[in-house]
Amino acid sequence: MREALIEADLAGQAGEYPIGAVLAIEGEIVSQGQAWHNELRSQVRHAELNALLDGEEVGRAEYFPITGLKPG
């Protein structure tokens, strides 16, 4: 969680929404992301998506489970 908060702080300093995310496998952080809505002029570049894309670039995306939430 601490690392995600650092990413959020960096995003805020860059003029973005202060949102950060990290992906970890067995306690090891393999990628991180920040919100890039303003820089990329995109409403879909959430921190979580950017962390997934970063993980894909470093070749670790095959380990990321696809999960979702639905109303109960």
C-alpha atoms as a PDB file:
ATOM      1  CA  MET A   1       0.000   0.000   0.000  1.00  0.00           C
ATOM      2  CA  ARG A   2       2.857   2.345   0.815  1.00  0.00           C
ATOM      3  CA  GLU A   3       4.225   2.030  -2.733  1.00  0.00           C
ATOM      4  CA  ALA A   4       0.798   2.786  -4.240  1.00  0.00           C
ATOM      5  CA  LEU A   5       0.628   5.937  -2.120  1.00  0.00           C
ATOM      6  CA  ILE A   6       4.050   6.982  -3.415  1.00  0.00           C
ATOM      7  CA  GLU A   7       2.812   6.483  -6.985  1.00  0.00           C
ATOM      8  CA  ALA A   8      -0.273   8.561  -6.171  1.00  0.00           C
ATOM      9  CA  ASP A   9       1.896  11.356  -4.793  1.00  0.00           C
ATOM     10  CA  LEU A  10       4.051  11.324  -7.947  1.00  0.00           C
ATOM     11  CA  ALA A  11       0.935  11.506 -10.122  1.00  0.00           C
ATOM     12  CA  GLY A  12      -0.354  14.480  -8.139  1.00  0.00           C
ATOM     13  CA  GLN A  13       2.985  16.267  -8.449  1.00  0.00           C
ATOM     14  CA  ALA A  14       2.787  15.781 -12.229  1.00  0.00           C
ATOM     15  CA  GLY A  15      -0.630  17.472 -12.371  1.00  0.00           C
ATOM     16  CA  GLU A  16      -2.631  14.261 -12.604  1.00  0.00           C
ATOM     17  CA  TYR A  17      -5.268  12.861 -10.285  1.00  0.00           C
ATOM     18  CA  PRO A  18      -3.360  11.577  -7.240  1.00  0.00           C
ATOM     19  CA  ILE A  19      -4.059   7.890  -7.827  1.00  0.00           C
ATOM     20  CA  GLY A  20      -1.461   5.127  -7.859  1.00  0.00           C
ATOM     21  CA  ALA A  21      -1.471   1.351  -8.134  1.00  0.00           C
ATOM     22  CA  VAL A  22       0.991  -1.510  -7.840  1.00  0.00           C
ATOM     23  CA  LEU A  23       0.819  -5.147  -8.894  1.00  0.00           C
ATOM     24  CA  ALA A  24       2.562  -7.682  -6.695  1.00  0.00           C
ATOM     25  CA  ILE A  25       3.194 -11.382  -7.089  1.00  0.00           C
ATOM     26  CA  GLU A  26       3.972 -13.238  -3.864  1.00  0.00           C
ATOM     27  CA  GLY A  27       4.927  -9.983  -2.171  1.00  0.00           C
ATOM     28  CA  GLU A  28       7.199  -8.747  -4.970  1.00  0.00           C
ATOM     29  CA  ILE A  29       6.125  -5.577  -6.784  1.00  0.00           C
ATOM     30  CA  VAL A  30       6.372  -6.310 -10.494  1.00  0.00           C
ATOM     31  CA  SER A  31       4.833  -3.119 -11.866  1.00  0.00           C
ATOM     32  CA  GLN A  32       3.295   0.152 -10.831  1.00  0.00           C
ATOM     33  CA  GLY A  33       1.086   2.764 -12.407  1.00  0.00           C
ATOM     34  CA  GLN A  34      -0.198   6.282 -12.023  1.00  0.00           C
ATOM     35  CA  ALA A  35      -3.277   8.001 -13.406  1.00  0.00           C
ATOM     36  CA  TRP A  36      -2.446   9.637 -16.765  1.00  0.00           C
ATOM     37  CA  HIS A  37      -5.820  11.138 -17.657  1.00  0.00           C
ATOM     38  CA  ASN A  38      -4.550  14.653 -18.358  1.00  0.00           C
ATOM     39  CA  GLU A  39      -1.225  13.893 -20.033  1.00  0.00           C
ATOM     40  CA  LEU A  40      -2.725  11.388 -22.459  1.00  0.00           C
ATOM     41  CA  ARG A  41      -6.128  13.109 -22.683  1.00  0.00           C
ATOM     42  CA  SER A  42      -7.773   9.788 -21.931  1.00  0.00           C
ATOM     43  CA  GLN A  43     -10.476   8.932 -19.433  1.00  0.00           C
ATOM     44  CA  VAL A  44      -9.461   5.255 -19.419  1.00  0.00           C
ATOM     45  CA  ARG A  45      -5.807   5.570 -18.385  1.00  0.00           C
ATOM     46  CA  HIS A  46      -6.436   4.736 -14.753  1.00  0.00           C
ATOM     47  CA  ALA A  47      -3.541   3.824 -12.487  1.00  0.00           C
ATOM     48  CA  GLU A  48      -4.660   0.189 -12.414  1.00  0.00           C
ATOM     49  CA  LEU A  49      -4.700  -0.083 -16.199  1.00  0.00           C
ATOM     50  CA  ASN A  50      -1.300   1.567 -16.449  1.00  0.00           C
ATOM     51  CA  ALA A  51       0.093  -0.888 -13.889  1.00  0.00           C
ATOM     52  CA  LEU A  52      -1.270  -3.794 -15.946  1.00  0.00           C
ATOM     53  CA  LEU A  53       0.213  -2.361 -19.139  1.00  0.00           C
ATOM     54  CA  ASP A  54       3.550  -1.831 -17.392  1.00  0.00           C
ATOM     55  CA  GLY A  55       3.464  -5.445 -16.204  1.00  0.00           C
ATOM     56  CA  GLU A  56       2.796  -6.594 -19.745  1.00  0.00           C
ATOM     57  CA  GLU A  57       5.819  -4.639 -21.008  1.00  0.00           C
ATOM     58  CA  VAL A  58       8.140  -6.302 -18.499  1.00  0.00           C
ATOM     59  CA  GLY A  59       6.811  -9.725 -19.501  1.00  0.00           C
ATOM     60  CA  ARG A  60       5.000 -10.544 -16.289  1.00  0.00           C
ATOM     61  CA  ALA A  61       1.383 -10.051 -17.414  1.00  0.00           C
ATOM     62  CA  GLU A  62       0.764 -13.776 -17.815  1.00  0.00           C
ATOM     63  CA  TYR A  63       0.709 -13.982 -14.027  1.00  0.00           C
ATOM     64  CA  PHE A  64      -1.993 -11.373 -13.469  1.00  0.00           C
ATOM     65  CA  PRO A  65      -5.382 -12.894 -12.732  1.00  0.00           C
ATOM     66  CA  ILE A  66      -8.382 -11.233 -14.321  1.00  0.00           C
ATOM     67  CA  THR A  67     -10.805 -10.227 -11.615  1.00  0.00           C
ATOM     68  CA  GLY A  68     -13.929  -8.146 -11.448  1.00  0.00           C
ATOM     69  CA  LEU A  69     -16.557  -6.911  -9.071  1.00  0.00           C
ATOM     70  CA  LYS A  70     -20.276  -7.074  -9.585  1.00  0.00           C
ATOM     71  CA  PRO A  71     -23.113  -5.837  -7.415  1.00  0.00           C
ATOM     72  CA  GLY A  72     -24.337  -8.407  -4.904  1.00  0.00           C
END
